Amino acid sequence: MKAYILIKMRPGDVPQALSQLRQRPGVETAKMIFGPYDLILEVQAPDLAALGRLLAHEVQPIPGVLETITCLEADI
């Protein structure tokens, strides 16, 4: 399953977070964006449980991460 994770960061922590996130398993792309969120990740996981683990163990523990929102891709 593919998902997009929007991340709000603490000011000044974006460059280091991007570097770390790009190395995390399951993260296909990580980019800085402008707007209410600072980063967007495109991630791939085999199922919802694995996506939850990726978020809880690979994304949220990164220093400076303040908030995340996850959007699942849908095929219609």
PDB file of N, CA and C in Angstrom:
ATOM      1  N   MET A   1       0.833  -1.164   0.000  1.00  0.00           N
ATOM      2  CA  MET A   1       0.000   0.000   0.000  1.00  0.00           C
ATOM      3  C   MET A   1       0.879   1.228   0.000  1.00  0.00           C
ATOM      4  N   LYS A   2       0.429   2.225  -0.720  1.00  0.00           N
ATOM      5  CA  LYS A   2       1.165   3.482  -0.807  1.00  0.00           C
ATOM      6  C   LYS A   2       0.436   4.524   0.028  1.00  0.00           C
ATOM      7  N   ALA A   3       1.227   5.376   0.689  1.00  0.00           N
ATOM      8  CA  ALA A   3       0.659   6.456   1.495  1.00  0.00           C
ATOM      9  C   ALA A   3       1.552   7.677   1.406  1.00  0.00           C
ATOM     10  N   TYR A   4       0.976   8.806   1.764  1.00  0.00           N
ATOM     11  CA  TYR A   4       1.701  10.068   1.814  1.00  0.00           C
ATOM     12  C   TYR A   4       1.608  10.574   3.251  1.00  0.00           C
ATOM     13  N   ILE A   5       2.737  10.959   3.807  1.00  0.00           N
ATOM     14  CA  ILE A   5       2.776  11.446   5.175  1.00  0.00           C
ATOM     15  C   ILE A   5       3.210  12.901   5.149  1.00  0.00           C
ATOM     16  N   LEU A   6       2.357  13.762   5.679  1.00  0.00           N
ATOM     17  CA  LEU A   6       2.659  15.184   5.810  1.00  0.00           C
ATOM     18  C   LEU A   6       3.202  15.404   7.219  1.00  0.00           C
ATOM     19  N   ILE A   7       4.275  16.190   7.325  1.00  0.00           N
ATOM     20  CA  ILE A   7       4.959  16.361   8.608  1.00  0.00           C
ATOM     21  C   ILE A   7       5.158  17.838   8.921  1.00  0.00           C
ATOM     22  N   LYS A   8       4.764  18.238  10.133  1.00  0.00           N
ATOM     23  CA  LYS A   8       5.106  19.562  10.660  1.00  0.00           C
ATOM     24  C   LYS A   8       6.380  19.400  11.471  1.00  0.00           C
ATOM     25  N   MET A   9       7.327  20.309  11.211  1.00  0.00           N
ATOM     26  CA  MET A   9       8.627  20.224  11.867  1.00  0.00           C
ATOM     27  C   MET A   9       8.880  21.428  12.767  1.00  0.00           C
ATOM     28  N   ARG A  10       9.742  21.237  13.745  1.00  0.00           N
ATOM     29  CA  ARG A  10      10.238  22.351  14.548  1.00  0.00           C
ATOM     30  C   ARG A  10      11.163  23.173  13.652  1.00  0.00           C
ATOM     31  N   PRO A  11      11.069  24.514  13.723  1.00  0.00           N
ATOM     32  CA  PRO A  11      11.925  25.352  12.868  1.00  0.00           C
ATOM     33  C   PRO A  11      13.410  24.996  13.018  1.00  0.00           C
ATOM     34  N   GLY A  12      14.083  24.906  11.876  1.00  0.00           N
ATOM     35  CA  GLY A  12      15.512  24.618  11.854  1.00  0.00           C
ATOM     36  C   GLY A  12      15.871  23.153  11.749  1.00  0.00           C
ATOM     37  N   ASP A  13      14.899  22.261  11.937  1.00  0.00           N
ATOM     38  CA  ASP A  13      15.192  20.821  11.924  1.00  0.00           C
ATOM     39  C   ASP A  13      14.929  20.134  10.585  1.00  0.00           C
ATOM     40  N   VAL A  14      14.436  20.882   9.602  1.00  0.00           N
ATOM     41  CA  VAL A  14      14.054  20.268   8.330  1.00  0.00           C
ATOM     42  C   VAL A  14      15.237  19.603   7.610  1.00  0.00           C
ATOM     43  N   PRO A  15      16.382  20.263   7.421  1.00  0.00           N
ATOM     44  CA  PRO A  15      17.458  19.625   6.652  1.00  0.00           C
ATOM     45  C   PRO A  15      17.936  18.297   7.243  1.00  0.00           C
ATOM     46  N   GLN A  16      18.129  18.257   8.541  1.00  0.00           N
ATOM     47  CA  GLN A  16      18.602  17.023   9.172  1.00  0.00           C
ATOM     48  C   GLN A  16      17.530  15.931   9.105  1.00  0.00           C
ATOM     49  N   ALA A  17      16.272  16.315   9.310  1.00  0.00           N
ATOM     50  CA  ALA A  17      15.188  15.337   9.233  1.00  0.00           C
ATOM     51  C   ALA A  17      15.080  14.745   7.836  1.00  0.00           C
ATOM     52  N   LEU A  18      15.182  15.583   6.811  1.00  0.00           N
ATOM     53  CA  LEU A  18      15.135  15.086   5.431  1.00  0.00           C
ATOM     54  C   LEU A  18      16.227  14.058   5.177  1.00  0.00           C
ATOM     55  N   SER A  19      17.426  14.366   5.630  1.00  0.00           N
ATOM     56  CA  SER A  19      18.546  13.448   5.449  1.00  0.00           C
ATOM     57  C   SER A  19      18.255  12.099   6.109  1.00  0.00           C
ATOM     58  N   GLN A  20      17.721  12.132   7.316  1.00  0.00           N
ATOM     59  CA  GLN A  20      17.419  10.879   8.030  1.00  0.00           C
ATOM     60  C   GLN A  20      16.258  10.128   7.381  1.00  0.00           C
ATOM     61  N   LEU A  21      15.208  10.852   7.015  1.00  0.00           N
ATOM     62  CA  LEU A  21      14.029  10.205   6.450  1.00  0.00           C
ATOM     63  C   LEU A  21      14.318   9.529   5.120  1.00  0.00           C
ATOM     64  N   ARG A  22      15.171  10.119   4.318  1.00  0.00           N
ATOM     65  CA  ARG A  22      15.491   9.529   3.011  1.00  0.00           C
ATOM     66  C   ARG A  22      16.205   8.191   3.139  1.00  0.00           C
ATOM     67  N   GLN A  23      16.730   7.885   4.308  1.00  0.00           N
ATOM     68  CA  GLN A  23      17.439   6.620   4.540  1.00  0.00           C
ATOM     69  C   GLN A  23      16.560   5.568   5.204  1.00  0.00           C
ATOM     70  N   ARG A  24      15.357   5.936   5.611  1.00  0.00           N
ATOM     71  CA  ARG A  24      14.482   5.013   6.332  1.00  0.00           C
ATOM     72  C   ARG A  24      13.868   3.993   5.388  1.00  0.00           C
ATOM     73  N   PRO A  25      13.777   2.719   5.825  1.00  0.00           N
ATOM     74  CA  PRO A  25      13.133   1.704   4.990  1.00  0.00           C
ATOM     75  C   PRO A  25      11.653   2.041   4.801  1.00  0.00           C
ATOM     76  N   GLY A  26      11.183   1.861   3.584  1.00  0.00           N
ATOM     77  CA  GLY A  26       9.789   2.141   3.267  1.00  0.00           C
ATOM     78  C   GLY A  26       9.540   3.537   2.732  1.00  0.00           C
ATOM     79  N   VAL A  27      10.492   4.450   2.935  1.00  0.00           N
ATOM     80  CA  VAL A  27      10.339   5.818   2.439  1.00  0.00           C
ATOM     81  C   VAL A  27      10.863   5.874   1.003  1.00  0.00           C
ATOM     82  N   GLU A  28       9.963   6.100   0.056  1.00  0.00           N
ATOM     83  CA  GLU A  28      10.362   6.171  -1.347  1.00  0.00           C
ATOM     84  C   GLU A  28      10.869   7.554  -1.720  1.00  0.00           C
ATOM     85  N   THR A  29      10.194   8.594  -1.241  1.00  0.00           N
ATOM     86  CA  THR A  29      10.655   9.967  -1.467  1.00  0.00           C
ATOM     87  C   THR A  29      10.358  10.802  -0.229  1.00  0.00           C
ATOM     88  N   ALA A  30      11.197  11.793  -0.005  1.00  0.00           N
ATOM     89  CA  ALA A  30      11.010  12.746   1.092  1.00  0.00           C
ATOM     90  C   ALA A  30      11.376  14.119   0.542  1.00  0.00           C
ATOM     91  N   LYS A  31      10.436  15.072   0.647  1.00  0.00           N
ATOM     92  CA  LYS A  31      10.663  16.402   0.084  1.00  0.00           C
ATOM     93  C   LYS A  31      10.170  17.485   1.034  1.00  0.00           C
ATOM     94  N   MET A  32      10.849  18.644   0.978  1.00  0.00           N
ATOM     95  CA  MET A  32      10.387  19.815   1.698  1.00  0.00           C
ATOM     96  C   MET A  32       9.283  20.471   0.885  1.00  0.00           C
ATOM     97  N   ILE A  33       8.247  20.944   1.572  1.00  0.00           N
ATOM     98  CA  ILE A  33       7.138  21.622   0.912  1.00  0.00           C
ATOM     99  C   ILE A  33       6.829  22.916   1.666  1.00  0.00           C
ATOM    100  N   PHE A  34       6.076  23.793   1.023  1.00  0.00           N
ATOM    101  CA  PHE A  34       5.643  25.041   1.643  1.00  0.00           C
ATOM    102  C   PHE A  34       4.151  24.952   1.917  1.00  0.00           C
ATOM    103  N   GLY A  35       3.719  25.520   3.019  1.00  0.00           N
ATOM    104  CA  GLY A  35       2.318  25.494   3.413  1.00  0.00           C
ATOM    105  C   GLY A  35       2.214  25.131   4.876  1.00  0.00           C
ATOM    106  N   PRO A  36       1.081  24.566   5.290  1.00  0.00           N
ATOM    107  CA  PRO A  36       0.909  24.244   6.703  1.00  0.00           C
ATOM    108  C   PRO A  36       1.820  23.112   7.180  1.00  0.00           C
ATOM    109  N   TYR A  37       2.335  22.306   6.260  1.00  0.00           N
ATOM    110  CA  TYR A  37       3.270  21.235   6.606  1.00  0.00           C
ATOM    111  C   TYR A  37       4.612  21.537   5.959  1.00  0.00           C
ATOM    112  N   ASP A  38       5.664  20.944   6.519  1.00  0.00           N
ATOM    113  CA  ASP A  38       7.027  21.227   6.078  1.00  0.00           C
ATOM    114  C   ASP A  38       7.624  20.144   5.184  1.00  0.00           C
ATOM    115  N   LEU A  39       7.207  18.901   5.383  1.00  0.00           N
ATOM    116  CA  LEU A  39       7.746  17.781   4.621  1.00  0.00           C
ATOM    117  C   LEU A  39       6.613  16.906   4.123  1.00  0.00           C
ATOM    118  N   ILE A  40       6.860  16.226   3.013  1.00  0.00           N
ATOM    119  CA  ILE A  40       5.947  15.197   2.538  1.00  0.00           C
ATOM    120  C   ILE A  40       6.770  13.962   2.203  1.00  0.00           C
ATOM    121  N   LEU A  41       6.270  12.820   2.654  1.00  0.00           N
ATOM    122  CA  LEU A  41       6.906  11.542   2.350  1.00  0.00           C
ATOM    123  C   LEU A  41       5.970  10.718   1.489  1.00  0.00           C
ATOM    124  N   GLU A  42       6.540  10.011   0.535  1.00  0.00           N
ATOM    125  CA  GLU A  42       5.810   8.976  -0.178  1.00  0.00           C
ATOM    126  C   GLU A  42       6.363   7.670   0.363  1.00  0.00           C
ATOM    127  N   VAL A  43       5.493   6.848   0.948  1.00  0.00           N
ATOM    128  CA  VAL A  43       5.954   5.617   1.589  1.00  0.00           C
ATOM    129  C   VAL A  43       5.229   4.415   1.016  1.00  0.00           C
ATOM    130  N   GLN A  44       5.863   3.268   1.151  1.00  0.00           N
ATOM    131  CA  GLN A  44       5.303   2.009   0.682  1.00  0.00           C
ATOM    132  C   GLN A  44       5.377   1.012   1.835  1.00  0.00           C
ATOM    133  N   ALA A  45       4.265   0.317   2.083  1.00  0.00           N
ATOM    134  CA  ALA A  45       4.214  -0.699   3.135  1.00  0.00           C
ATOM    135  C   ALA A  45       3.318  -1.836   2.655  1.00  0.00           C
ATOM    136  N   PRO A  46       3.582  -3.065   3.112  1.00  0.00           N
ATOM    137  CA  PRO A  46       2.772  -4.194   2.647  1.00  0.00           C
ATOM    138  C   PRO A  46       1.334  -4.179   3.161  1.00  0.00           C
ATOM    139  N   ASP A  47       1.092  -3.578   4.328  1.00  0.00           N
ATOM    140  CA  ASP A  47      -0.255  -3.539   4.891  1.00  0.00           C
ATOM    141  C   ASP A  47      -0.354  -2.401   5.907  1.00  0.00           C
ATOM    142  N   LEU A  48      -1.532  -2.219   6.463  1.00  0.00           N
ATOM    143  CA  LEU A  48      -1.784  -1.117   7.387  1.00  0.00           C
ATOM    144  C   LEU A  48      -0.959  -1.245   8.664  1.00  0.00           C
ATOM    145  N   ALA A  49      -0.780  -2.462   9.157  1.00  0.00           N
ATOM    146  CA  ALA A  49       0.020  -2.662  10.365  1.00  0.00           C
ATOM    147  C   ALA A  49       1.469  -2.243  10.132  1.00  0.00           C
ATOM    148  N   ALA A  50       2.013  -2.605   8.988  1.00  0.00           N
ATOM    149  CA  ALA A  50       3.390  -2.221   8.659  1.00  0.00           C
ATOM    150  C   ALA A  50       3.507  -0.710   8.489  1.00  0.00           C
ATOM    151  N   LEU A  51       2.484  -0.089   7.920  1.00  0.00           N
ATOM    152  CA  LEU A  51       2.482   1.365   7.785  1.00  0.00           C
ATOM    153  C   LEU A  51       2.494   2.024   9.166  1.00  0.00           C
ATOM    154  N   GLY A  52       1.709   1.497  10.077  1.00  0.00           N
ATOM    155  CA  GLY A  52       1.693   2.011  11.444  1.00  0.00           C
ATOM    156  C   GLY A  52       3.046   1.884  12.121  1.00  0.00           C
ATOM    157  N   ARG A  53       3.710   0.751  11.922  1.00  0.00           N
ATOM    158  CA  ARG A  53       5.053   0.559  12.494  1.00  0.00           C
ATOM    159  C   ARG A  53       6.054   1.528  11.880  1.00  0.00           C
ATOM    160  N   LEU A  54       5.974   1.733  10.570  1.00  0.00           N
ATOM    161  CA  LEU A  54       6.875   2.667   9.902  1.00  0.00           C
ATOM    162  C   LEU A  54       6.697   4.068  10.490  1.00  0.00           C
ATOM    163  N   LEU A  55       5.465   4.467  10.675  1.00  0.00           N
ATOM    164  CA  LEU A  55       5.188   5.789  11.225  1.00  0.00           C
ATOM    165  C   LEU A  55       5.675   5.899  12.671  1.00  0.00           C
ATOM    166  N   ALA A  56       5.355   4.904  13.488  1.00  0.00           N
ATOM    167  CA  ALA A  56       5.684   4.952  14.912  1.00  0.00           C
ATOM    168  C   ALA A  56       7.168   4.769  15.204  1.00  0.00           C
ATOM    169  N   HIS A  57       7.858   3.983  14.372  1.00  0.00           N
ATOM    170  CA  HIS A  57       9.258   3.647  14.678  1.00  0.00           C
ATOM    171  C   HIS A  57      10.291   4.335  13.791  1.00  0.00           C
ATOM    172  N   GLU A  58       9.883   4.789  12.614  1.00  0.00           N
ATOM    173  CA  GLU A  58      10.846   5.365  11.679  1.00  0.00           C
ATOM    174  C   GLU A  58      10.658   6.866  11.442  1.00  0.00           C
ATOM    175  N   VAL A  59       9.425   7.352  11.588  1.00  0.00           N
ATOM    176  CA  VAL A  59       9.142   8.755  11.262  1.00  0.00           C
ATOM    177  C   VAL A  59       8.990   9.606  12.518  1.00  0.00           C
ATOM    178  N   GLN A  60       8.041   9.273  13.363  1.00  0.00           N
ATOM    179  CA  GLN A  60       7.735  10.119  14.515  1.00  0.00           C
ATOM    180  C   GLN A  60       8.889  10.288  15.509  1.00  0.00           C
ATOM    181  N   PRO A  61       9.780   9.315  15.688  1.00  0.00           N
ATOM    182  CA  PRO A  61      10.891   9.515  16.633  1.00  0.00           C
ATOM    183  C   PRO A  61      11.982  10.484  16.152  1.00  0.00           C
ATOM    184  N   ILE A  62      11.952  10.904  14.901  1.00  0.00           N
ATOM    185  CA  ILE A  62      12.997  11.801  14.400  1.00  0.00           C
ATOM    186  C   ILE A  62      12.910  13.136  15.137  1.00  0.00           C
ATOM    187  N   PRO A  63      14.033  13.641  15.629  1.00  0.00           N
ATOM    188  CA  PRO A  63      14.019  14.912  16.349  1.00  0.00           C
ATOM    189  C   PRO A  63      13.429  16.047  15.509  1.00  0.00           C
ATOM    190  N   GLY A  64      12.526  16.785  16.115  1.00  0.00           N
ATOM    191  CA  GLY A  64      11.915  17.927  15.439  1.00  0.00           C
ATOM    192  C   GLY A  64      10.548  17.656  14.855  1.00  0.00           C
ATOM    193  N   VAL A  65      10.149  16.386  14.750  1.00  0.00           N
ATOM    194  CA  VAL A  65       8.823  16.072  14.217  1.00  0.00           C
ATOM    195  C   VAL A  65       7.783  16.480  15.264  1.00  0.00           C
ATOM    196  N   LEU A  66       6.871  17.372  14.874  1.00  0.00           N
ATOM    197  CA  LEU A  66       5.843  17.859  15.790  1.00  0.00           C
ATOM    198  C   LEU A  66       4.484  17.212  15.549  1.00  0.00           C
ATOM    199  N   GLU A  67       4.184  16.933  14.282  1.00  0.00           N
ATOM    200  CA  GLU A  67       2.855  16.421  13.932  1.00  0.00           C
ATOM    201  C   GLU A  67       2.945  15.700  12.600  1.00  0.00           C
ATOM    202  N   THR A  68       2.153  14.645  12.466  1.00  0.00           N
ATOM    203  CA  THR A  68       2.073  13.943  11.172  1.00  0.00           C
ATOM    204  C   THR A  68       0.607  13.723  10.815  1.00  0.00           C
ATOM    205  N   ILE A  69       0.371  13.641   9.531  1.00  0.00           N
ATOM    206  CA  ILE A  69      -0.940  13.228   9.020  1.00  0.00           C
ATOM    207  C   ILE A  69      -0.664  12.267   7.864  1.00  0.00           C
ATOM    208  N   THR A  70      -1.373  11.147   7.855  1.00  0.00           N
ATOM    209  CA  THR A  70      -1.138  10.113   6.860  1.00  0.00           C
ATOM    210  C   THR A  70      -2.333  10.019   5.924  1.00  0.00           C
ATOM    211  N   CYS A  71      -2.059  10.047   4.633  1.00  0.00           N
ATOM    212  CA  CYS A  71      -3.087   9.947   3.602  1.00  0.00           C
ATOM    213  C   CYS A  71      -2.822   8.690   2.781  1.00  0.00           C
ATOM    214  N   LEU A  72      -3.780   7.769   2.770  1.00  0.00           N
ATOM    215  CA  LEU A  72      -3.626   6.526   2.014  1.00  0.00           C
ATOM    216  C   LEU A  72      -4.016   6.744   0.559  1.00  0.00           C
ATOM    217  N   GLU A  73      -3.235   6.160  -0.325  1.00  0.00           N
ATOM    218  CA  GLU A  73      -3.556   6.238  -1.747  1.00  0.00           C
ATOM    219  C   GLU A  73      -4.674   5.240  -2.047  1.00  0.00           C
ATOM    220  N   ALA A  74      -5.624   5.648  -2.872  1.00  0.00           N
ATOM    221  CA  ALA A  74      -6.756   4.786  -3.217  1.00  0.00           C
ATOM    222  C   ALA A  74      -6.805   4.574  -4.728  1.00  0.00           C
ATOM    223  N   ASP A  75      -7.006   3.351  -5.121  1.00  0.00           N
ATOM    224  CA  ASP A  75      -7.220   3.025  -6.533  1.00  0.00           C
ATOM    225  C   ASP A  75      -8.713   2.925  -6.769  1.00  0.00           C
ATOM    226  N   ILE A  76      -9.226   3.775  -7.682  1.00  0.00           N
ATOM    227  CA  ILE A  76     -10.661   3.704  -7.977  1.00  0.00           C
ATOM    228  C   ILE A  76     -10.884   3.521  -9.456  1.00  0.00           C
TER     229      ILE A  76
END
